Every structure is written in C-alpha cells, then in structure tokens.
C-alpha cells in the first residue's frame, strides 16, 4: 500500500511555526509520517532564548507533533536536554523519533529508511565514530551501512560526489552547492534507494531521476533514484523546504526508464551489493536459548539488519569490539571469548576473532550477486590468512589456528570464528581427531576432507573447519610463508535439514581440546566493557602490520 510522506529540510530550532505548519498540512493530506532531514534544533552554542523556550516546551509536550516524525543529525550537535532524554527513550516526545547517526529503520508501513547523519571527519581514527549524538561520521560509518543492502529512502547530510554530472537542472547559485563526498556516492550506488534526500540550507535542488544498471538480483529492471536536496525553513531566498510524495515500498522497479531520467552519475569505488529478494524467507531467528536447528518451526520473523548482531547498520552494535573494516568484511573480537589473555601467553590477549561479511546473508552462497559473493569470500580468506600470518610470526610457529563456520540457509548472518591452538596438537592430528570424535558422539555424519570455496556447489547446509599449522619458524613446512600458508586441512560436515545441529559445536570441541570446559557458554564469559576494549586494542596493535585494510587506506 502506498504511503504519503512529507520531508522537511532544516528547522533550526523554529519548532513552534514548523510543527504548526506540519499540523495544518497533515489535517488536509493525512500523511503516514514525516522526516526532518536537516537540523531540527538550533546550534546549542548560539541558540536564542526563544529557541531554548521552544525546546523546553517540546520536551514537556506543550508543542504537539501531529504525526509520527523522524529526525536525523545534520550539522549541529544535539542539545544536551535532548541527549539526556534520548538516553532513556527512543521517542523524544510523543510522535517524535530519533533516527540516529548511522542506522536502518523500517516503518510500520514497511518503508525502509537508511540514515547517515553529520559531516565527514577524516581525522577520526579507529573506524566507526563512537558518539552517536555528535555531528560527525567516518568513511567506515558510510561503509557500515552497505550491509543494509537496499533502501526506500536514503538520508545523508552531505551530497554524493558527481551528483550534478549529466544534469540540466541548475542551482539558484553555484555558491549554494554543498560539499560532496565519494563515500556518500558509494553508499547511494550500493543501496540504490528510491529517494535520496539531503540538505542545502539556502537552496532547493531536485535532480532528474537516474537509473542504476541491472544486476542479477533485479533482473532486467533498472532501479530509479530521485535525489532531492531541501532548503531550510525561513531561508532568505524563499527556497522550497517541504517535499511531499507517495511511496509504495512493495512496488517493483520499472522495466522501462522514464523519459527524463539519466544514467547514474555516481562513480562508485566499491563493490555494489545487491539485495537478497528472498532473504525474509531464508532466515530464522537466532536464539541463545535453543542451540538446535529446527527448520520446520519459525514462530517469529528473522531480525532485519538494524537488529542483527553482526550488521554494522545496527545502531546498538558494540563498535568497541571492531578491529578492522575491509571492503566486504570486517573483524571483531568475540564477545564472551572462549580463550583469555592467559590462554596464549606469547600473545597476551584472547585472540578469539570473528570474520564477518558486511552483506546481511545467512550463508555465502545465498549472496545472489556473484561478484559480491566472490569478493566477500576472497576477503574473508585474506583476513584468515593475515591472522594466521600474525600468529605464526608472533609465536615463532608455536601456535596454529582453527577457523570454523556454520553455514545454514535458516541462519541469520554468516561469519567465521578464528582461534589459535597449539601447532603441536595440529601436527599430531589431535585437533582433527577431536572434531571427528565429537561428531561421532553427537551421531553426526562423517567429516569429509574437501575444499568447497564459497559453498555455492554444496547441496546441503554444512559445518566447515580449517585446521592450520605454520610449523616451526623457518621449517620446510613454512618456507616463504608470508601470508599464513602452512600445513592446512579443510574438513566439511554435511548437515541435512532434519539434523538437530548444535551451533556451538565448534566452540564445544575447542573448549574440551584447550581444557576450557568451564568457558563453553559465551554468556558465562562476558567481560566488563573496559576489559573488552583493552583486549581489542591489544589485538589491533599486534595485527596492525598484517592488516591489509590499513595498507589499502594509505594507497587511497
């Protein structure tokens, strides 16, 4: 069903007149919801007494918000009273909701909104920006939203690079063109939103619609994006600051191109990730209370990317655990790690690491775009080998590693887990034996030795484990080993849809092997945030010279 939507540019603290106007428009048109894409509040450092009084009245409920309204961060920090209220409630006042700085939201009408607020700050180091109320973002924040896969509406404070290329529509003044950035262009090219809204305080500009080239996931259709930049309320040039339109989130992209449309002006430097059209049917809810696989029971729908534990677009993600972000994947230290800083004394930190794709997909082979699937698998392999290389050199070959994966079509978000083990255990065959014996204890099928790549040729779900040993430093096993290559075996356990499989199987085997049975349940191993941050920082310091994502950033 189509929804009537009203989009508002910058309000700048003029809360009383703007919400009065909104109420009058809503009475006549009955909008489903509204979005404020510019600054809702005045600059806290220069707000007037009248603007402060309006803010107080809004928070008390004296200024009424007539319909569900979402607001984003733009160029100003949020006022402290607003921050304090948002710390306890997502609803600032009745009908007024904070989108967040980096987030994905689906409205009750089914409209998917992706928002990236603030101004690009290249001086922020360490990946994602941590403060969700300050008006700054990083390129990693933009990249993190790639995992949303698609959007009906994209909101950014700044323009995408080259958006005016190929357009015949002029600004009222070239001086009014906002700064534009490649990371925003990459985000728009990846998500292919139906509408992309931004702001230009003293000018309104609507570009001709542009189409994206067809991909495997959308067939012959060409998704159309409409880019619209709104002025602020009460701007001196009396430029348009309101925009109303109708949107049906279930409408398929057109097969024909509108006559006024142009080709996309966006020159993306990233791989474009396509939406998984059938992913809602492919996921089951991930639950810690039941470790067994029951594909015939799906009492609740799967979590969307904004609620997924492994999606960077989840605003509640524990970003302090993230240690590296590549083009298609990222690394994070494990929450509730199996190992402790004392488990591997030569390393001094747990080194229980997760390798996670940015694309929200239950398995690698269900990433429908072949290019994205291949590049994701290759980068996961590169991260795995970089981790092995670090382990080999930091421990002089004393430690090997195990990497395991549970690939199930009814999963939520595919990931690999990496953990060091003694090279001696690997060379003696004890690690391989431990997995096979535990599988036999569970009456699981037999393991097979196989290299299956991204798993796209497999007929069933599977559990996979790579068992690797570098051998002694400088030995024949590791001659020329600069990328973690040594003695390695890949074992695959086929999983039928009828099998009740323990998703913690890999952790259970290694807990027994490392004599850490008391740490089998990750919930019993949770740390204080300060401990998690210390372990993540220690790992990042050790991994820095092996982290190819940092090298790529320097080249760019």
Protein backbone atom coordinates (compact mmCIF):
# COMPACT_ATOMS: atom_id res chain seq x y z
CA UNK A 1 0.00 0.00 0.00
CA UNK A 2 1.33 3.44 -0.90
CA UNK A 3 2.23 5.86 1.89
CA UNK A 4 2.02 9.66 1.76
CA UNK A 5 5.25 11.09 3.18
CA UNK A 6 6.30 14.65 4.00
CA UNK A 7 10.01 15.55 4.11
CA UNK A 8 11.22 18.70 5.85
CA UNK A 9 14.56 20.46 5.40
CA UNK A 10 16.33 22.25 8.24
CA UNK A 11 14.13 23.55 11.07
CA UNK A 12 16.91 25.26 13.00
CA UNK A 13 15.02 25.45 16.28
CA UNK A 14 11.88 27.09 14.84
CA UNK A 15 9.79 24.37 16.45
CA UNK A 16 6.53 26.22 17.05
CA UNK A 17 5.92 27.55 13.50
CA UNK A 18 7.17 24.40 11.78
CA UNK A 19 5.05 21.96 13.78
CA UNK A 20 2.07 24.31 13.41
CA UNK A 21 2.58 24.17 9.64
CA UNK A 22 3.01 20.41 9.78
CA UNK A 23 -0.25 20.06 11.70
CA UNK A 24 -2.15 22.11 9.12
CA UNK A 25 -0.72 20.08 6.21
CA UNK A 26 -1.44 16.78 7.94
CA UNK A 27 -5.05 17.78 8.55
CA UNK A 28 -5.56 18.33 4.82
CA UNK A 29 -3.42 15.46 3.43
CA UNK A 30 -3.23 12.76 6.15
CA UNK A 31 0.43 11.80 5.81
CA UNK A 32 1.71 8.42 7.02
CA UNK A 33 4.80 10.01 8.56
CA UNK A 34 7.24 12.90 8.21
CA UNK A 35 11.04 13.12 8.14
CA UNK A 36 13.23 16.07 9.13
CA UNK A 37 16.46 15.71 7.14
CA UNK A 38 18.15 18.95 8.28
CA UNK A 39 18.86 20.25 11.78
CA UNK A 40 15.69 20.05 13.88
CA UNK A 41 17.23 22.08 16.69
CA UNK A 42 19.24 25.28 16.80
CA UNK A 43 23.00 25.26 17.27
CA UNK A 44 23.40 24.67 21.05
CA UNK A 45 26.33 27.07 21.17
CA UNK A 46 24.36 30.01 19.74
CA UNK A 47 20.68 29.30 20.38
CA UNK A 48 18.41 32.18 21.40
CA UNK A 49 16.21 32.34 24.47
CA UNK A 50 13.13 31.87 22.28
CA UNK A 51 14.64 28.73 20.71
CA UNK A 52 15.54 27.35 24.14
CA UNK A 53 12.00 28.02 25.36
CA UNK A 54 10.59 26.21 22.31
CA UNK A 55 12.81 23.21 23.03
CA UNK A 56 11.65 23.08 26.64
CA UNK A 57 8.02 23.29 25.52
CA UNK A 58 8.57 20.46 23.03
CA UNK A 59 10.12 18.17 25.65
CA UNK A 60 7.25 18.91 28.05
CA UNK A 61 4.72 18.04 25.37
CA UNK A 62 3.36 21.58 25.07
CA UNK A 63 4.32 21.66 21.38
CA UNK A 64 2.36 18.86 19.73
CA UNK A 65 3.81 16.66 16.98
CA UNK A 66 0.74 15.71 14.92
CA UNK A 67 2.03 12.53 13.25
CA UNK A 68 4.99 10.10 13.50
CA UNK A 69 8.04 12.20 12.65
CA UNK A 70 11.66 11.04 12.33
CA UNK A 71 14.62 13.39 12.68
CA UNK A 72 18.29 12.93 11.89
CA UNK A 73 21.59 14.54 12.80
CA UNK A 74 22.81 17.19 10.40
CA UNK A 75 25.49 19.83 11.05
CA UNK A 76 24.83 20.65 14.72
CA UNK A 77 25.27 18.54 17.84
CA UNK A 78 22.04 17.69 19.65
CA UNK A 79 21.22 19.90 22.64
CA UNK A 80 22.08 18.34 25.99
CA UNK A 81 18.43 18.09 27.19
CA UNK A 82 17.66 16.15 24.00
CA UNK A 83 20.61 13.80 24.55
CA UNK A 84 19.55 13.16 28.15
CA UNK A 85 16.01 12.31 27.05
CA UNK A 86 17.20 10.02 24.24
CA UNK A 87 19.41 8.09 26.65
CA UNK A 88 16.24 6.78 28.28
CA UNK A 89 13.83 6.67 25.34
CA UNK A 90 13.95 6.45 21.55
CA UNK A 91 10.83 8.63 21.47
CA UNK A 92 11.85 12.20 22.31
CA UNK A 93 8.25 13.22 22.80
CA UNK A 94 5.01 11.75 21.53
CA UNK A 95 5.35 11.02 17.78
CA UNK A 96 8.94 12.33 17.52
CA UNK A 97 11.65 9.71 16.92
CA UNK A 98 15.43 9.99 16.58
CA UNK A 99 16.79 8.18 13.52
CA UNK A 100 20.33 8.05 14.87
CA UNK A 101 23.56 8.94 13.14
CA UNK A 102 24.09 5.61 11.38
CA UNK A 103 21.01 3.47 11.23
CA UNK A 104 18.46 1.42 9.32
CA UNK A 105 14.77 1.70 10.23
CA UNK A 106 11.66 0.09 8.78
CA UNK A 107 8.46 1.99 9.49
CA UNK A 108 5.14 0.35 10.31
CA UNK A 109 4.18 0.98 6.67
CA UNK A 110 7.14 -1.15 5.54
CA UNK A 111 9.22 1.81 4.28
CA UNK A 112 12.94 1.17 4.78
CA UNK A 113 14.91 4.28 5.79
CA UNK A 114 18.71 4.34 5.92
CA UNK A 115 20.31 7.40 7.51
CA UNK A 116 23.89 8.68 7.79
CA UNK A 117 23.98 11.97 9.69
CA UNK A 118 26.66 14.56 10.29
CA UNK A 119 29.70 15.81 8.41
CA UNK A 120 32.61 13.68 7.21
CA UNK A 121 35.56 13.91 9.60
CA UNK A 122 38.72 12.32 8.21
CA UNK A 123 40.55 13.00 11.47
CA UNK A 124 38.57 10.37 13.37
CA UNK A 125 40.75 7.28 13.66
CA UNK A 126 39.85 3.71 14.56
CA UNK A 127 37.00 3.13 12.14
CA UNK A 128 33.44 3.91 13.27
CA UNK A 129 32.62 7.13 15.09
CA UNK A 130 31.68 6.30 18.66
CA UNK A 131 29.46 9.21 19.80
CA UNK A 132 26.03 8.81 18.27
CA UNK A 133 24.94 12.37 19.09
CA UNK A 134 27.83 14.37 17.63
CA UNK A 135 27.51 15.60 14.00
CA UNK A 136 30.47 13.73 12.54
CA UNK A 137 30.88 10.46 10.68
CA UNK A 138 33.72 8.49 9.11
CA UNK A 139 34.08 6.66 5.83
CA UNK A 140 33.78 3.46 7.86
CA UNK A 141 30.36 4.64 9.09
CA UNK A 142 29.26 5.03 5.47
CA UNK A 143 30.71 1.66 4.55
CA UNK A 144 28.98 0.04 7.51
CA UNK A 145 25.59 0.85 6.02
CA UNK A 146 26.37 -1.18 2.89
CA UNK A 147 25.07 -4.16 4.87
CA UNK A 148 21.55 -2.72 4.68
CA UNK A 149 21.59 -3.95 1.03
CA UNK A 150 18.78 -1.63 -0.09
CA UNK A 151 16.71 1.38 0.93
CA UNK A 152 13.45 3.03 0.01
CA UNK A 153 14.71 6.32 1.42
CA UNK A 154 18.35 7.31 2.00
CA UNK A 155 19.09 10.36 4.14
CA UNK A 156 22.53 11.99 4.25
CA UNK A 157 23.63 15.40 5.50
CA UNK A 158 26.07 15.78 2.61
CA UNK A 159 25.84 15.25 -1.13
CA UNK A 160 27.32 12.35 -3.11
CA UNK A 161 30.25 13.11 -5.39
CA UNK A 162 29.41 13.86 -9.05
CA UNK A 163 25.65 14.01 -8.39
CA UNK A 164 25.33 17.06 -10.69
CA UNK A 165 27.11 15.34 -13.59
CA UNK A 166 24.78 14.88 -16.55
CA UNK A 167 22.06 17.07 -15.01
CA UNK A 168 20.47 20.04 -16.79
CA UNK A 169 18.94 21.39 -13.57
CA UNK A 170 20.73 24.40 -12.11
CA UNK A 171 21.11 25.67 -8.58
CA UNK A 172 19.98 29.22 -7.88
CA UNK A 173 23.67 29.96 -7.28
CA UNK A 174 26.81 27.89 -7.66
CA UNK A 175 27.80 29.22 -4.25
CA UNK A 176 24.95 27.22 -2.72
CA UNK A 177 26.28 23.80 -3.78
CA UNK A 178 27.20 21.81 -0.67
CA UNK A 179 30.37 19.77 -0.36
CA UNK A 180 30.11 16.30 -1.88
CA UNK A 181 31.92 13.09 -0.97
CA UNK A 182 32.79 9.80 -2.63
CA UNK A 183 31.76 7.67 0.36
CA UNK A 184 28.19 9.04 0.04
CA UNK A 185 28.24 8.24 -3.68
CA UNK A 186 29.37 4.70 -2.86
CA UNK A 187 26.55 4.34 -0.33
CA UNK A 188 23.89 5.55 -2.77
CA UNK A 189 25.25 3.36 -5.58
CA UNK A 190 25.21 0.35 -3.28
CA UNK A 191 21.73 0.78 -1.77
CA UNK A 192 20.05 2.13 -4.94
CA UNK A 193 17.38 3.99 -2.92
CA UNK A 194 14.13 5.11 -4.49
CA UNK A 195 14.67 8.53 -2.91
CA UNK A 196 17.86 10.14 -1.62
CA UNK A 197 17.29 13.26 0.49
CA UNK A 198 19.93 15.73 1.60
CA UNK A 199 20.15 19.41 2.57
CA UNK A 200 21.41 22.68 1.15
CA UNK A 201 20.43 25.37 3.69
CA UNK A 202 19.59 28.21 1.27
CA UNK A 203 18.71 26.30 -1.88
CA UNK A 204 16.36 23.60 -3.14
CA UNK A 205 17.66 21.27 -5.85
CA UNK A 206 15.97 18.23 -7.39
CA UNK A 207 17.98 16.26 -9.89
CA UNK A 208 16.46 14.40 -12.80
CA UNK A 209 15.83 10.75 -11.81
CA UNK A 210 18.73 8.45 -12.60
CA UNK A 211 18.78 4.73 -13.18
CA UNK A 212 21.20 2.09 -11.94
CA UNK A 213 22.34 -0.69 -14.21
CA UNK A 214 20.55 -4.02 -13.90
CA UNK A 215 22.07 -6.70 -11.68
CA UNK A 216 21.40 -10.40 -11.13
CA UNK A 217 19.13 -9.69 -8.17
CA UNK A 218 16.79 -7.30 -10.01
CA UNK A 219 16.81 -8.95 -13.43
CA UNK A 220 16.12 -6.67 -16.38
CA UNK A 221 14.65 -3.85 -14.27
CA UNK A 222 16.70 -0.72 -13.61
CA UNK A 223 16.23 0.78 -10.12
CA UNK A 224 15.48 4.51 -10.24
CA UNK A 225 16.80 7.01 -7.68
CA UNK A 226 15.47 10.53 -7.18
CA UNK A 227 17.93 12.87 -5.44
CA UNK A 228 16.37 15.86 -3.68
CA UNK A 229 18.12 18.47 -1.54
CA UNK A 230 15.90 20.68 0.63
CA UNK A 231 16.46 24.20 1.88
CA UNK A 232 15.88 25.22 5.49
CA UNK A 233 12.76 26.81 6.93
CA UNK A 234 12.64 30.61 6.58
CA UNK A 235 15.64 30.71 4.21
CA UNK A 236 16.39 34.15 2.70
CA UNK A 237 15.81 33.03 -0.91
CA UNK A 238 12.42 31.56 -0.02
CA UNK A 239 13.50 28.21 -1.47
CA UNK A 240 11.45 25.04 -1.07
CA UNK A 241 11.87 23.41 2.37
CA UNK A 242 8.98 20.90 2.21
CA UNK A 243 8.56 17.96 -0.14
CA UNK A 244 5.55 15.63 -0.25
CA UNK A 245 5.36 12.41 -2.22
CA UNK A 246 3.77 8.97 -2.30
CA UNK A 247 5.78 5.76 -1.97
CA UNK A 248 4.80 2.10 -2.25
CA UNK A 249 7.63 0.03 -0.75
CA UNK A 250 6.31 -3.10 -2.46
CA UNK A 251 6.36 -1.64 -5.98
CA UNK A 252 8.88 -3.35 -8.26
CA UNK A 253 11.49 -1.26 -10.11
CA UNK A 254 10.21 -0.16 -13.54
CA UNK A 255 11.16 -2.18 -16.59
CA UNK A 256 11.24 0.97 -18.71
CA UNK A 257 13.19 4.14 -17.99
CA UNK A 258 11.27 7.42 -17.53
CA UNK A 259 11.94 9.79 -20.46
CA UNK A 260 13.54 12.46 -18.23
CA UNK A 261 15.86 10.00 -16.47
CA UNK A 262 19.63 9.85 -16.97
CA UNK A 263 22.20 7.18 -16.33
CA UNK A 264 23.60 7.18 -12.81
CA UNK A 265 26.19 9.93 -12.37
CA UNK A 266 27.70 8.08 -9.41
CA UNK A 267 31.10 6.56 -9.96
CA UNK A 268 31.29 4.05 -7.16
CA UNK A 269 34.70 2.88 -5.99
CA UNK A 270 33.21 -0.02 -4.04
CA UNK A 271 31.65 -3.31 -4.94
CA UNK A 272 27.88 -2.89 -5.23
CA UNK A 273 25.98 -5.26 -3.01
CA UNK A 274 22.61 -6.37 -4.22
CA UNK A 275 19.56 -7.00 -2.09
CA UNK A 276 18.57 -10.58 -1.38
CA UNK A 277 14.99 -10.65 -2.61
CA UNK A 278 14.09 -13.82 -0.77
CA UNK A 279 16.04 -13.23 2.42
CA UNK A 280 12.90 -12.83 4.56
CA UNK A 281 12.08 -16.43 3.73
CA UNK A 282 15.66 -17.58 4.26
CA UNK A 283 16.26 -16.62 7.88
CA UNK A 284 15.12 -17.98 11.22
CA UNK A 285 15.52 -16.10 14.46
CA UNK A 286 18.89 -16.61 16.11
CA UNK A 287 18.28 -17.58 19.72
CA UNK A 288 20.66 -18.42 22.53
CA UNK A 289 18.05 -20.45 24.39
CA UNK A 290 17.83 -23.24 21.83
CA UNK A 291 21.08 -24.32 20.18
CA UNK A 292 19.42 -26.88 17.91
CA UNK A 293 18.32 -26.40 14.32
CA UNK A 294 14.58 -26.84 13.71
CA UNK A 295 13.88 -25.64 10.19
CA UNK A 296 10.18 -26.52 10.34
CA UNK A 297 9.44 -24.11 13.21
CA UNK A 298 9.61 -20.38 12.58
CA UNK A 299 7.47 -18.70 15.24
CA UNK A 300 8.90 -15.23 14.58
CA UNK A 301 10.39 -13.43 11.57
CA UNK A 302 14.17 -13.03 11.36
CA UNK A 303 15.85 -9.86 12.62
CA UNK A 304 16.44 -7.20 9.97
CA UNK A 305 19.95 -5.72 9.53
CA UNK A 306 19.13 -2.93 12.01
CA UNK A 307 18.65 -5.58 14.74
CA UNK A 308 21.16 -8.19 13.59
CA UNK A 309 24.04 -8.88 16.00
CA UNK A 310 26.54 -8.83 13.12
CA UNK A 311 25.28 -5.94 10.94
CA UNK A 312 27.19 -2.70 11.20
CA UNK A 313 23.96 -0.84 10.44
CA UNK A 314 22.64 -1.93 13.85
CA UNK A 315 22.82 1.28 15.94
CA UNK A 316 23.26 -0.81 19.11
CA UNK A 317 26.27 -2.74 17.79
CA UNK A 318 29.21 -2.97 20.24
CA UNK A 319 31.53 -0.96 17.99
CA UNK A 320 34.38 -1.05 20.52
CA UNK A 321 34.91 -4.72 19.58
CA UNK A 322 35.51 -3.93 15.89
CA UNK A 323 39.20 -4.13 14.98
CA UNK A 324 39.33 -3.84 11.18
CA UNK A 325 36.94 -2.99 8.33
CA UNK A 326 37.73 -4.09 4.79
CA UNK A 327 35.80 -3.61 1.56
CA UNK A 328 33.41 -6.55 2.01
CA UNK A 329 34.11 -7.86 5.51
CA UNK A 330 35.22 -6.80 8.97
CA UNK A 331 36.94 -8.25 12.04
CA UNK A 332 35.75 -8.13 15.62
CA UNK A 333 36.93 -9.64 18.87
CA UNK A 334 34.45 -12.17 20.24
CA UNK A 335 32.04 -11.19 22.98
CA UNK A 336 32.42 -13.75 25.74
CA UNK A 337 35.60 -15.21 24.21
CA UNK A 338 36.47 -18.85 24.78
CA UNK A 339 40.10 -18.01 25.49
CA UNK A 340 41.51 -15.47 27.96
CA UNK A 341 44.66 -13.28 27.87
CA UNK A 342 46.40 -16.08 29.79
CA UNK A 343 45.46 -18.88 27.39
CA UNK A 344 48.17 -17.87 24.91
CA UNK A 345 50.91 -16.14 26.98
CA UNK A 346 53.04 -15.30 23.96
CA UNK A 347 50.15 -13.24 22.56
CA UNK A 348 48.76 -11.73 25.75
CA UNK A 349 45.17 -11.34 24.53
CA UNK A 350 42.35 -13.87 23.84
CA UNK A 351 42.64 -13.83 20.01
CA UNK A 352 39.13 -15.25 19.60
CA UNK A 353 38.23 -13.36 16.42
CA UNK A 354 35.16 -13.21 14.18
CA UNK A 355 35.41 -12.62 10.41
CA UNK A 356 32.06 -11.19 9.29
CA UNK A 357 30.73 -10.16 5.86
CA UNK A 358 29.17 -6.72 5.54
CA UNK A 359 26.33 -8.23 3.49
CA UNK A 360 23.41 -9.47 5.59
CA UNK A 361 23.04 -13.07 4.41
CA UNK A 362 22.64 -16.40 6.23
CA UNK A 363 25.22 -18.14 4.02
CA UNK A 364 27.83 -17.11 1.50
CA UNK A 365 26.12 -18.93 -1.36
CA UNK A 366 22.87 -17.01 -0.73
CA UNK A 367 24.60 -13.76 -1.63
CA UNK A 368 22.92 -13.66 -5.02
CA UNK A 369 25.29 -11.26 -6.78
CA UNK A 370 28.23 -13.41 -7.94
CA UNK A 371 30.74 -10.57 -7.88
CA UNK A 372 29.87 -9.66 -4.30
CA UNK A 373 29.86 -13.30 -3.22
CA UNK A 374 33.30 -13.92 -4.73
CA UNK A 375 34.85 -10.75 -3.37
CA UNK A 376 33.38 -11.40 0.09
CA UNK A 377 34.73 -14.95 0.25
CA UNK A 378 38.14 -13.84 -1.04
CA UNK A 379 38.42 -11.07 1.53
CA UNK A 380 37.36 -13.41 4.34
CA UNK A 381 40.13 -15.75 3.21
CA UNK A 382 42.59 -12.85 3.12
CA UNK A 383 41.68 -11.93 6.69
CA UNK A 384 42.02 -15.54 7.79
CA UNK A 385 45.47 -15.81 6.21
CA UNK A 386 46.52 -12.46 7.67
CA UNK A 387 45.51 -13.71 11.13
CA UNK A 388 47.48 -16.90 10.57
CA UNK A 389 50.49 -14.89 9.45
CA UNK A 390 50.31 -12.82 12.64
CA UNK A 391 50.04 -15.95 14.79
CA UNK A 392 52.96 -17.59 13.01
CA UNK A 393 55.32 -14.66 13.41
CA UNK A 394 54.27 -13.55 16.92
CA UNK A 395 54.63 -17.07 18.37
CA UNK A 396 57.51 -18.26 16.16
CA UNK A 397 55.38 -21.12 14.87
CA UNK A 398 54.36 -22.47 18.29
CA UNK A 399 50.71 -21.82 17.58
CA UNK A 400 48.49 -22.85 14.71
CA UNK A 401 44.83 -21.94 14.31
CA UNK A 402 41.34 -23.27 13.78
CA UNK A 403 38.69 -21.39 11.78
CA UNK A 404 35.15 -22.71 11.76
CA UNK A 405 31.85 -21.86 10.09
CA UNK A 406 28.22 -22.95 10.44
CA UNK A 407 26.52 -22.45 7.05
CA UNK A 408 22.74 -22.90 7.23
CA UNK A 409 20.10 -21.39 4.98
CA UNK A 410 17.97 -20.83 8.10
CA UNK A 411 20.74 -18.90 9.82
CA UNK A 412 20.90 -15.13 10.24
CA UNK A 413 24.30 -13.70 9.30
CA UNK A 414 27.18 -15.89 8.17
CA UNK A 415 30.51 -15.49 9.96
CA UNK A 416 33.72 -17.39 10.67
CA UNK A 417 35.32 -17.85 14.07
CA UNK A 418 39.10 -17.94 14.47
CA UNK A 419 41.05 -19.26 17.45
CA UNK A 420 44.70 -20.25 17.93
CA UNK A 421 45.67 -23.74 19.05
CA UNK A 422 48.99 -25.42 19.69
CA UNK A 423 50.83 -26.30 16.47
CA UNK A 424 51.91 -29.50 18.17
CA UNK A 425 48.27 -30.56 18.59
CA UNK A 426 47.66 -29.89 14.90
CA UNK A 427 50.73 -31.79 13.69
CA UNK A 428 49.86 -34.81 15.85
CA UNK A 429 46.37 -34.89 14.36
CA UNK A 430 44.70 -34.30 17.73
CA UNK A 431 42.66 -31.30 16.58
CA UNK A 432 41.23 -33.20 13.63
CA UNK A 433 40.55 -36.20 15.84
CA UNK A 434 38.76 -34.03 18.41
CA UNK A 435 36.27 -32.76 15.82
CA UNK A 436 35.66 -36.23 14.42
CA UNK A 437 35.19 -37.84 17.84
CA UNK A 438 32.77 -35.14 18.99
CA UNK A 439 30.79 -35.54 15.76
CA UNK A 440 30.61 -39.26 16.41
CA UNK A 441 29.44 -38.60 19.99
CA UNK A 442 26.59 -36.50 18.60
CA UNK A 443 25.85 -39.14 15.95
CA UNK A 444 26.51 -36.56 13.23
CA UNK A 445 27.51 -37.61 9.68
CA UNK A 446 31.16 -38.24 8.88
CA UNK A 447 33.51 -35.38 8.09
CA UNK A 448 34.94 -35.25 4.58
CA UNK A 449 38.21 -33.63 3.55
CA UNK A 450 37.31 -31.07 0.90
CA UNK A 451 37.91 -27.53 -0.33
CA UNK A 452 34.47 -26.16 -1.19
CA UNK A 453 35.23 -22.48 -1.76
CA UNK A 454 32.23 -20.25 -1.08
CA UNK A 455 29.98 -23.31 -0.73
CA UNK A 456 27.82 -22.49 -3.75
CA UNK A 457 28.25 -26.01 -5.15
CA UNK A 458 27.11 -27.70 -1.93
CA UNK A 459 23.65 -29.26 -1.96
CA UNK A 460 23.12 -29.11 1.81
CA UNK A 461 23.96 -26.94 4.78
CA UNK A 462 27.32 -27.69 6.32
CA UNK A 463 29.78 -27.14 9.15
CA UNK A 464 33.31 -26.38 7.95
CA UNK A 465 36.59 -26.17 9.82
CA UNK A 466 40.07 -25.22 8.63
CA UNK A 467 42.87 -26.67 10.76
CA UNK A 468 46.20 -24.92 10.18
CA UNK A 469 49.74 -25.17 11.50
CA UNK A 470 52.63 -22.97 10.42
CA UNK A 471 55.24 -25.40 11.70
CA UNK A 472 58.45 -24.28 13.31
CA UNK A 473 59.85 -20.88 12.29
CA UNK A 474 61.86 -21.33 9.11
CA UNK A 475 60.99 -25.02 8.76
CA UNK A 476 60.23 -26.67 5.48
CA UNK A 477 56.52 -26.51 6.28
CA UNK A 478 56.50 -22.72 6.24
CA UNK A 479 59.19 -21.74 3.79
CA UNK A 480 58.16 -18.47 2.16
CA UNK A 481 55.19 -18.23 4.47
CA UNK A 482 54.32 -14.53 4.42
CA UNK A 483 50.55 -14.87 4.15
CA UNK A 484 49.80 -17.52 6.75
CA UNK A 485 50.25 -20.51 4.42
CA UNK A 486 51.46 -23.66 6.13
CA UNK A 487 50.06 -27.15 6.66
CA UNK A 488 46.29 -26.91 6.38
CA UNK A 489 43.30 -29.22 6.08
CA UNK A 490 39.69 -28.33 5.38
CA UNK A 491 37.03 -30.62 6.87
CA UNK A 492 33.35 -30.41 5.94
CA UNK A 493 30.43 -31.92 7.85
CA UNK A 494 27.21 -32.08 5.74
CA UNK A 495 24.06 -31.04 7.61
CA UNK A 496 20.68 -32.31 6.45
CA UNK A 497 17.55 -30.27 7.14
CA UNK A 498 16.40 -32.96 9.60
CA UNK A 499 19.57 -32.82 11.70
CA UNK A 500 19.39 -31.18 15.14
CA UNK A 501 22.76 -29.44 14.97
CA UNK A 502 24.40 -27.65 17.90
CA UNK A 503 25.50 -24.24 16.58
CA UNK A 504 28.08 -24.13 19.41
CA UNK A 505 29.66 -27.37 18.17
CA UNK A 506 32.95 -25.70 17.15
CA UNK A 507 33.32 -23.88 20.45
CA UNK A 508 32.45 -27.04 22.39
CA UNK A 509 35.19 -29.05 20.63
CA UNK A 510 37.85 -26.41 21.25
CA UNK A 511 36.76 -25.88 24.86
CA UNK A 512 37.47 -29.55 25.52
CA UNK A 513 40.68 -29.53 23.49
CA UNK A 514 42.07 -26.47 25.31
CA UNK A 515 40.78 -27.66 28.70
CA UNK A 516 38.45 -24.68 28.94
CA UNK A 517 35.22 -26.60 29.54
CA UNK A 518 34.12 -24.06 32.16
CA UNK A 519 34.07 -21.40 29.41
CA UNK A 520 31.89 -23.27 26.94
CA UNK A 521 28.90 -20.91 27.33
CA UNK A 522 29.85 -17.45 25.99
CA UNK A 523 27.29 -15.84 28.29
CA UNK A 524 29.29 -17.09 31.27
CA UNK A 525 32.43 -15.44 29.83
CA UNK A 526 31.16 -11.89 29.36
CA UNK A 527 33.64 -9.17 30.29
CA UNK A 528 33.34 -5.61 31.50
CA UNK A 529 33.49 -3.13 28.63
CA UNK A 530 36.87 -1.85 29.84
CA UNK A 531 38.27 -5.40 29.54
CA UNK A 532 36.77 -5.81 26.06
CA UNK A 533 38.26 -2.51 24.94
CA UNK A 534 41.70 -3.44 26.33
CA UNK A 535 41.67 -6.80 24.53
CA UNK A 536 40.52 -5.20 21.26
CA UNK A 537 43.23 -2.53 21.44
CA UNK A 538 45.90 -5.13 22.23
CA UNK A 539 44.81 -7.18 19.23
CA UNK A 540 44.71 -4.16 16.89
CA UNK A 541 48.24 -3.20 17.93
CA UNK A 542 49.53 -6.72 17.23
CA UNK A 543 47.57 -7.08 13.96
CA UNK A 544 48.40 -3.63 12.56
CA UNK A 545 51.30 -4.70 10.33
CA UNK A 546 49.23 -7.57 8.90
CA UNK A 547 46.01 -5.58 8.38
CA UNK A 548 45.72 -5.12 4.62
CA UNK A 549 42.75 -2.75 5.04
CA UNK A 550 45.10 -0.16 6.55
CA UNK A 551 47.50 -0.55 3.64
CA UNK A 552 44.65 -0.03 1.18
CA UNK A 553 43.55 3.11 3.01
CA UNK A 554 47.04 4.55 2.64
CA UNK A 555 47.04 3.89 -1.09
CA UNK A 556 43.63 5.52 -1.50
